[in-house]
């Protein structure tokens, strides 16, 4: 049985019971939002309708081009001036979703356009309309190509949840930072910063490493 130092037990409980669940909760909301919005926009981006493509391209370039922290700050600090007040968790989740959906939309467009043109023509010959062609013929093939980027996106979203600490969301990094500050103010004043931030690093590694290996495996398997 592992015996933790007296200072470490409450820190570990706080990080495991508050920080990790909050990190995973933000990541879950952001990934789902990114996938739903991004896949729809990516499919629509293949339409030969100039106004639709231009609007979606603008969306992608804006949210992919802005630093994520700027997007989160715009949502959390600027929107209240327009009488739209969001809590820190929601603001962080939306900010990550906007960035993630732009990434997914571009990846979806590329995956769909990588499907051979003959597949589109065969679907039309069988009497499928545009919706039927995309739903039953093109997208199932494109989704195989899309899986590795989606897993990589999940890793990036989990790592970028640390930005939520800047607006007060108690995710893993924020939990570690608060623990360091609390220990620094408690006699004998040893913050144990090295150990705590090392634990934060280890936590993200344990969560992210299996996903990066999964993305590499899927990319290799689906390319075969």
C-alpha atoms as a PDB file:
ATOM      1  CA  UNK A   1       0.000   0.000   0.000  1.00  0.00           C
ATOM      2  CA  UNK A   2       1.287   3.468  -0.917  1.00  0.00           C
ATOM      3  CA  UNK A   3       1.551   5.916   1.988  1.00  0.00           C
ATOM      4  CA  UNK A   4       1.351   9.530   0.837  1.00  0.00           C
ATOM      5  CA  UNK A   5       2.913  12.394   2.814  1.00  0.00           C
ATOM      6  CA  UNK A   6       0.489  14.339   4.980  1.00  0.00           C
ATOM      7  CA  UNK A   7       0.365  17.266   2.563  1.00  0.00           C
ATOM      8  CA  UNK A   8      -0.142  15.047  -0.491  1.00  0.00           C
ATOM      9  CA  UNK A   9      -3.374  13.273   0.491  1.00  0.00           C
ATOM     10  CA  UNK A  10      -5.697  16.322   0.330  1.00  0.00           C
ATOM     11  CA  UNK A  11      -3.946  17.520  -2.850  1.00  0.00           C
ATOM     12  CA  UNK A  12      -4.425  14.149  -4.533  1.00  0.00           C
ATOM     13  CA  UNK A  13      -8.079  13.987  -3.486  1.00  0.00           C
ATOM     14  CA  UNK A  14      -8.734  17.508  -4.768  1.00  0.00           C
ATOM     15  CA  UNK A  15      -7.077  16.823  -8.124  1.00  0.00           C
ATOM     16  CA  UNK A  16      -8.746  13.435  -8.606  1.00  0.00           C
ATOM     17  CA  UNK A  17     -12.215  14.417  -7.360  1.00  0.00           C
ATOM     18  CA  UNK A  18     -12.354  17.927  -8.858  1.00  0.00           C
ATOM     19  CA  UNK A  19      -9.588  18.564 -11.401  1.00  0.00           C
ATOM     20  CA  UNK A  20      -9.685  15.374 -13.474  1.00  0.00           C
ATOM     21  CA  UNK A  21     -13.519  15.142 -13.732  1.00  0.00           C
ATOM     22  CA  UNK A  22     -13.726  18.817 -14.703  1.00  0.00           C
ATOM     23  CA  UNK A  23     -11.042  18.386 -17.361  1.00  0.00           C
ATOM     24  CA  UNK A  24     -12.810  15.360 -18.828  1.00  0.00           C
ATOM     25  CA  UNK A  25     -16.189  17.115 -18.659  1.00  0.00           C
ATOM     26  CA  UNK A  26     -14.927  20.119 -20.629  1.00  0.00           C
ATOM     27  CA  UNK A  27     -13.219  17.802 -23.123  1.00  0.00           C
ATOM     28  CA  UNK A  28     -16.389  15.743 -23.589  1.00  0.00           C
ATOM     29  CA  UNK A  29     -18.569  18.793 -24.269  1.00  0.00           C
ATOM     30  CA  UNK A  30     -15.974  20.323 -26.596  1.00  0.00           C
ATOM     31  CA  UNK A  31     -15.360  17.125 -28.575  1.00  0.00           C
ATOM     32  CA  UNK A  32     -19.071  16.414 -29.067  1.00  0.00           C
ATOM     33  CA  UNK A  33     -19.711  20.025 -30.092  1.00  0.00           C
ATOM     34  CA  UNK A  34     -16.708  20.006 -32.413  1.00  0.00           C
ATOM     35  CA  UNK A  35     -17.744  16.761 -34.099  1.00  0.00           C
ATOM     36  CA  UNK A  36     -21.416  17.650 -34.581  1.00  0.00           C
ATOM     37  CA  UNK A  37     -20.820  21.172 -35.897  1.00  0.00           C
ATOM     38  CA  UNK A  38     -17.583  20.367 -37.734  1.00  0.00           C
ATOM     39  CA  UNK A  39     -18.885  17.332 -39.642  1.00  0.00           C
ATOM     40  CA  UNK A  40     -22.027  19.189 -40.764  1.00  0.00           C
ATOM     41  CA  UNK A  41     -19.988  22.189 -41.906  1.00  0.00           C
ATOM     42  CA  UNK A  42     -17.412  19.966 -43.597  1.00  0.00           C
ATOM     43  CA  UNK A  43     -20.103  18.185 -45.601  1.00  0.00           C
ATOM     44  CA  UNK A  44     -21.763  21.475 -46.576  1.00  0.00           C
ATOM     45  CA  UNK A  45     -18.366  22.819 -47.619  1.00  0.00           C
ATOM     46  CA  UNK A  46     -18.384  20.344 -50.518  1.00  0.00           C
ATOM     47  CA  UNK A  47     -21.536  21.914 -51.963  1.00  0.00           C
ATOM     48  CA  UNK A  48     -21.131  23.891 -55.166  1.00  0.00           C
ATOM     49  CA  UNK A  49     -23.038  26.822 -53.703  1.00  0.00           C
ATOM     50  CA  UNK A  50     -20.712  29.805 -53.441  1.00  0.00           C
ATOM     51  CA  UNK A  51     -22.443  31.766 -50.615  1.00  0.00           C
ATOM     52  CA  UNK A  52     -22.607  28.660 -48.390  1.00  0.00           C
ATOM     53  CA  UNK A  53     -18.994  27.746 -49.031  1.00  0.00           C
ATOM     54  CA  UNK A  54     -17.830  31.325 -48.468  1.00  0.00           C
ATOM     55  CA  UNK A  55     -19.675  31.600 -45.128  1.00  0.00           C
ATOM     56  CA  UNK A  56     -18.303  28.276 -43.886  1.00  0.00           C
ATOM     57  CA  UNK A  57     -14.785  29.113 -45.082  1.00  0.00           C
ATOM     58  CA  UNK A  58     -14.960  32.400 -43.153  1.00  0.00           C
ATOM     59  CA  UNK A  59     -16.086  30.507 -40.032  1.00  0.00           C
ATOM     60  CA  UNK A  60     -13.185  28.053 -40.380  1.00  0.00           C
ATOM     61  CA  UNK A  61     -10.526  30.681 -40.986  1.00  0.00           C
ATOM     62  CA  UNK A  62     -11.692  32.909 -38.102  1.00  0.00           C
ATOM     63  CA  UNK A  63     -11.909  30.246 -35.390  1.00  0.00           C
ATOM     64  CA  UNK A  64      -8.938  28.248 -36.601  1.00  0.00           C
ATOM     65  CA  UNK A  65      -6.821  31.374 -36.944  1.00  0.00           C
ATOM     66  CA  UNK A  66      -7.554  32.942 -33.553  1.00  0.00           C
ATOM     67  CA  UNK A  67      -5.608  31.713 -30.508  1.00  0.00           C
ATOM     68  CA  UNK A  68      -7.983  29.615 -28.408  1.00  0.00           C
ATOM     69  CA  UNK A  69      -7.421  31.763 -25.323  1.00  0.00           C
ATOM     70  CA  UNK A  70      -8.512  34.870 -27.272  1.00  0.00           C
ATOM     71  CA  UNK A  71     -11.725  33.082 -28.268  1.00  0.00           C
ATOM     72  CA  UNK A  72     -12.393  32.037 -24.662  1.00  0.00           C
ATOM     73  CA  UNK A  73     -11.728  35.564 -23.395  1.00  0.00           C
ATOM     74  CA  UNK A  74     -14.069  37.015 -26.047  1.00  0.00           C
ATOM     75  CA  UNK A  75     -16.842  34.689 -24.896  1.00  0.00           C
ATOM     76  CA  UNK A  76     -16.268  35.071 -21.157  1.00  0.00           C
ATOM     77  CA  UNK A  77     -15.322  38.751 -20.868  1.00  0.00           C
ATOM     78  CA  UNK A  78     -16.667  40.456 -24.015  1.00  0.00           C
ATOM     79  CA  UNK A  79     -20.115  38.861 -24.391  1.00  0.00           C
ATOM     80  CA  UNK A  80     -21.350  40.241 -21.020  1.00  0.00           C
ATOM     81  CA  UNK A  81     -21.064  43.733 -22.544  1.00  0.00           C
ATOM     82  CA  UNK A  82     -23.765  42.533 -24.969  1.00  0.00           C
ATOM     83  CA  UNK A  83     -25.833  41.251 -22.013  1.00  0.00           C
ATOM     84  CA  UNK A  84     -24.855  37.607 -22.647  1.00  0.00           C
ATOM     85  CA  UNK A  85     -23.341  36.223 -19.442  1.00  0.00           C
ATOM     86  CA  UNK A  86     -21.905  32.686 -19.467  1.00  0.00           C
ATOM     87  CA  UNK A  87     -20.252  30.805 -16.636  1.00  0.00           C
ATOM     88  CA  UNK A  88     -16.578  29.876 -16.937  1.00  0.00           C
ATOM     89  CA  UNK A  89     -17.217  26.210 -17.759  1.00  0.00           C
ATOM     90  CA  UNK A  90     -19.631  27.046 -20.589  1.00  0.00           C
ATOM     91  CA  UNK A  91     -17.357  29.754 -21.989  1.00  0.00           C
ATOM     92  CA  UNK A  92     -14.362  27.388 -22.048  1.00  0.00           C
ATOM     93  CA  UNK A  93     -16.410  24.584 -23.621  1.00  0.00           C
ATOM     94  CA  UNK A  94     -17.786  26.858 -26.356  1.00  0.00           C
ATOM     95  CA  UNK A  95     -14.361  28.355 -27.052  1.00  0.00           C
ATOM     96  CA  UNK A  96     -12.798  24.922 -27.481  1.00  0.00           C
ATOM     97  CA  UNK A  97     -15.785  23.786 -29.569  1.00  0.00           C
ATOM     98  CA  UNK A  98     -15.421  26.708 -31.976  1.00  0.00           C
ATOM     99  CA  UNK A  99     -11.741  25.936 -32.502  1.00  0.00           C
ATOM    100  CA  UNK A 100     -12.344  22.189 -32.705  1.00  0.00           C
ATOM    101  CA  UNK A 101     -15.280  22.441 -35.110  1.00  0.00           C
ATOM    102  CA  UNK A 102     -13.149  24.497 -37.507  1.00  0.00           C
ATOM    103  CA  UNK A 103     -10.504  21.749 -37.427  1.00  0.00           C
ATOM    104  CA  UNK A 104     -13.086  18.990 -37.937  1.00  0.00           C
ATOM    105  CA  UNK A 105     -14.804  20.859 -40.774  1.00  0.00           C
ATOM    106  CA  UNK A 106     -11.556  21.136 -42.713  1.00  0.00           C
ATOM    107  CA  UNK A 107     -10.665  17.484 -42.036  1.00  0.00           C
ATOM    108  CA  UNK A 108     -14.170  16.375 -43.089  1.00  0.00           C
ATOM    109  CA  UNK A 109     -13.939  18.311 -46.345  1.00  0.00           C
ATOM    110  CA  UNK A 110     -10.612  16.674 -47.125  1.00  0.00           C
ATOM    111  CA  UNK A 111     -11.906  13.196 -46.243  1.00  0.00           C
ATOM    112  CA  UNK A 112     -14.995  13.572 -48.444  1.00  0.00           C
ATOM    113  CA  UNK A 113     -13.030  14.923 -51.387  1.00  0.00           C
ATOM    114  CA  UNK A 114     -10.584  12.012 -51.086  1.00  0.00           C
ATOM    115  CA  UNK A 115     -13.381   9.560 -51.936  1.00  0.00           C
ATOM    116  CA  UNK A 116     -13.015   8.645 -55.629  1.00  0.00           C
ATOM    117  CA  UNK A 117     -15.294  10.535 -58.015  1.00  0.00           C
ATOM    118  CA  UNK A 118     -16.587   7.220 -59.360  1.00  0.00           C
ATOM    119  CA  UNK A 119     -18.371   6.621 -56.048  1.00  0.00           C
ATOM    120  CA  UNK A 120     -20.380   9.828 -56.490  1.00  0.00           C
ATOM    121  CA  UNK A 121     -21.267   8.882 -60.040  1.00  0.00           C
ATOM    122  CA  UNK A 122     -22.280   5.355 -59.032  1.00  0.00           C
ATOM    123  CA  UNK A 123     -24.577   6.719 -56.318  1.00  0.00           C
ATOM    124  CA  UNK A 124     -26.244   9.075 -58.792  1.00  0.00           C
ATOM    125  CA  UNK A 125     -26.665   6.200 -61.270  1.00  0.00           C
ATOM    126  CA  UNK A 126     -28.441   4.220 -58.537  1.00  0.00           C
ATOM    127  CA  UNK A 127     -30.916   7.058 -58.062  1.00  0.00           C
ATOM    128  CA  UNK A 128     -29.563   8.602 -54.844  1.00  0.00           C
ATOM    129  CA  UNK A 129     -30.036  12.322 -54.361  1.00  0.00           C
ATOM    130  CA  UNK A 130     -27.372  14.538 -52.791  1.00  0.00           C
ATOM    131  CA  UNK A 131     -28.465  13.741 -49.221  1.00  0.00           C
ATOM    132  CA  UNK A 132     -28.691  10.009 -49.900  1.00  0.00           C
ATOM    133  CA  UNK A 133     -25.330   9.992 -51.668  1.00  0.00           C
ATOM    134  CA  UNK A 134     -23.605  11.727 -48.758  1.00  0.00           C
ATOM    135  CA  UNK A 135     -25.382   9.689 -46.063  1.00  0.00           C
ATOM    136  CA  UNK A 136     -25.189   6.175 -47.470  1.00  0.00           C
ATOM    137  CA  UNK A 137     -22.262   6.184 -49.909  1.00  0.00           C
ATOM    138  CA  UNK A 138     -19.720   8.969 -49.450  1.00  0.00           C
ATOM    139  CA  UNK A 139     -19.646   9.763 -45.732  1.00  0.00           C
ATOM    140  CA  UNK A 140     -19.281   6.137 -44.508  1.00  0.00           C
ATOM    141  CA  UNK A 141     -16.135   5.877 -46.632  1.00  0.00           C
ATOM    142  CA  UNK A 142     -14.895   9.328 -45.620  1.00  0.00           C
ATOM    143  CA  UNK A 143     -15.456   8.604 -41.932  1.00  0.00           C
ATOM    144  CA  UNK A 144     -12.775   5.898 -42.007  1.00  0.00           C
ATOM    145  CA  UNK A 145     -10.292   8.503 -43.181  1.00  0.00           C
ATOM    146  CA  UNK A 146     -11.625  10.949 -40.594  1.00  0.00           C
ATOM    147  CA  UNK A 147     -11.169   8.716 -37.528  1.00  0.00           C
ATOM    148  CA  UNK A 148      -7.427   9.354 -36.891  1.00  0.00           C
ATOM    149  CA  UNK A 149      -7.808  13.170 -37.030  1.00  0.00           C
ATOM    150  CA  UNK A 150     -10.800  12.951 -34.673  1.00  0.00           C
ATOM    151  CA  UNK A 151      -8.800  10.996 -32.098  1.00  0.00           C
ATOM    152  CA  UNK A 152      -5.925  13.484 -32.441  1.00  0.00           C
ATOM    153  CA  UNK A 153      -8.442  16.299 -31.935  1.00  0.00           C
ATOM    154  CA  UNK A 154      -9.575  14.671 -28.683  1.00  0.00           C
ATOM    155  CA  UNK A 155      -5.968  14.716 -27.448  1.00  0.00           C
ATOM    156  CA  UNK A 156      -5.566  18.382 -28.424  1.00  0.00           C
ATOM    157  CA  UNK A 157      -8.822  19.350 -26.728  1.00  0.00           C
ATOM    158  CA  UNK A 158      -7.830  17.560 -23.503  1.00  0.00           C
ATOM    159  CA  UNK A 159      -4.465  19.343 -23.492  1.00  0.00           C
ATOM    160  CA  UNK A 160      -6.031  22.718 -24.283  1.00  0.00           C
ATOM    161  CA  UNK A 161      -8.489  22.433 -21.375  1.00  0.00           C
ATOM    162  CA  UNK A 162      -5.637  23.924 -19.317  1.00  0.00           C
ATOM    163  CA  UNK A 163      -6.586  27.281 -20.860  1.00  0.00           C
ATOM    164  CA  UNK A 164      -9.830  27.119 -18.884  1.00  0.00           C
ATOM    165  CA  UNK A 165      -7.758  27.680 -15.741  1.00  0.00           C
ATOM    166  CA  UNK A 166      -7.247  31.302 -16.830  1.00  0.00           C
ATOM    167  CA  UNK A 167     -10.947  32.050 -16.315  1.00  0.00           C
ATOM    168  CA  UNK A 168     -11.251  30.053 -13.103  1.00  0.00           C
ATOM    169  CA  UNK A 169     -12.431  26.594 -14.163  1.00  0.00           C
ATOM    170  CA  UNK A 170     -11.066  24.103 -11.571  1.00  0.00           C
ATOM    171  CA  UNK A 171      -9.595  21.649 -14.089  1.00  0.00           C
ATOM    172  CA  UNK A 172      -6.383  19.689 -13.431  1.00  0.00           C
ATOM    173  CA  UNK A 173      -3.926  22.583 -13.863  1.00  0.00           C
ATOM    174  CA  UNK A 174      -6.075  24.970 -11.841  1.00  0.00           C
ATOM    175  CA  UNK A 175      -6.465  22.351  -9.104  1.00  0.00           C
ATOM    176  CA  UNK A 176      -2.689  21.938  -8.973  1.00  0.00           C
ATOM    177  CA  UNK A 177      -2.128  25.693  -8.932  1.00  0.00           C
ATOM    178  CA  UNK A 178      -4.588  26.215  -6.085  1.00  0.00           C
ATOM    179  CA  UNK A 179      -2.932  23.410  -4.122  1.00  0.00           C
ATOM    180  CA  UNK A 180       0.489  25.054  -4.565  1.00  0.00           C
ATOM    181  CA  UNK A 181      -0.852  28.420  -3.391  1.00  0.00           C
ATOM    182  CA  UNK A 182      -2.632  26.865  -0.407  1.00  0.00           C
ATOM    183  CA  UNK A 183       0.467  24.967   0.737  1.00  0.00           C
ATOM    184  CA  UNK A 184       2.598  28.074   0.303  1.00  0.00           C
ATOM    185  CA  UNK A 185       0.371  29.922   2.780  1.00  0.00           C
ATOM    186  CA  UNK A 186       0.318  27.020   5.245  1.00  0.00           C
ATOM    187  CA  UNK A 187       3.233  26.613   7.699  1.00  0.00           C
ATOM    188  CA  UNK A 188       6.038  25.699   7.067  1.00  0.00           C
ATOM    189  CA  UNK A 189       5.302  27.381   3.704  1.00  0.00           C
ATOM    190  CA  UNK A 190       6.621  24.659   1.385  1.00  0.00           C
ATOM    191  CA  UNK A 191       4.546  24.797  -1.811  1.00  0.00           C
ATOM    192  CA  UNK A 192       5.744  21.394  -3.136  1.00  0.00           C
ATOM    193  CA  UNK A 193       5.339  22.942  -6.593  1.00  0.00           C
ATOM    194  CA  UNK A 194       7.702  20.509  -8.304  1.00  0.00           C
ATOM    195  CA  UNK A 195       5.816  17.449  -7.035  1.00  0.00           C
ATOM    196  CA  UNK A 196       2.365  18.907  -7.739  1.00  0.00           C
ATOM    197  CA  UNK A 197       3.092  20.137 -11.255  1.00  0.00           C
ATOM    198  CA  UNK A 198       4.866  16.840 -11.895  1.00  0.00           C
ATOM    199  CA  UNK A 199       1.613  15.114 -10.934  1.00  0.00           C
ATOM    200  CA  UNK A 200      -0.292  17.413 -13.312  1.00  0.00           C
ATOM    201  CA  UNK A 201       2.113  16.472 -16.103  1.00  0.00           C
ATOM    202  CA  UNK A 202       1.762  12.764 -15.294  1.00  0.00           C
ATOM    203  CA  UNK A 203      -2.042  13.049 -15.285  1.00  0.00           C
ATOM    204  CA  UNK A 204      -2.139  14.541 -18.774  1.00  0.00           C
ATOM    205  CA  UNK A 205       0.364  11.970 -19.997  1.00  0.00           C
ATOM    206  CA  UNK A 206      -1.698   9.070 -18.640  1.00  0.00           C
ATOM    207  CA  UNK A 207      -4.819  10.439 -20.344  1.00  0.00           C
ATOM    208  CA  UNK A 208      -3.213  11.504 -23.637  1.00  0.00           C
ATOM    209  CA  UNK A 209      -0.636   8.806 -24.396  1.00  0.00           C
ATOM    210  CA  UNK A 210      -3.113   5.959 -25.044  1.00  0.00           C
ATOM    211  CA  UNK A 211      -5.095   8.252 -27.342  1.00  0.00           C
ATOM    212  CA  UNK A 212      -2.025   9.272 -29.351  1.00  0.00           C
ATOM    213  CA  UNK A 213      -1.147   5.590 -29.773  1.00  0.00           C
ATOM    214  CA  UNK A 214      -4.736   4.877 -30.831  1.00  0.00           C
ATOM    215  CA  UNK A 215      -4.590   7.656 -33.449  1.00  0.00           C
ATOM    216  CA  UNK A 216      -1.309   6.258 -34.816  1.00  0.00           C
ATOM    217  CA  UNK A 217      -2.747   2.724 -34.876  1.00  0.00           C
ATOM    218  CA  UNK A 218      -5.909   3.818 -36.697  1.00  0.00           C
ATOM    219  CA  UNK A 219      -3.944   5.820 -39.236  1.00  0.00           C
ATOM    220  CA  UNK A 220      -1.679   2.850 -39.958  1.00  0.00           C
ATOM    221  CA  UNK A 221      -4.533   0.309 -39.985  1.00  0.00           C
ATOM    222  CA  UNK A 222      -6.858   2.335 -42.197  1.00  0.00           C
ATOM    223  CA  UNK A 223      -4.067   3.192 -44.635  1.00  0.00           C
ATOM    224  CA  UNK A 224      -3.379  -0.507 -45.220  1.00  0.00           C
END
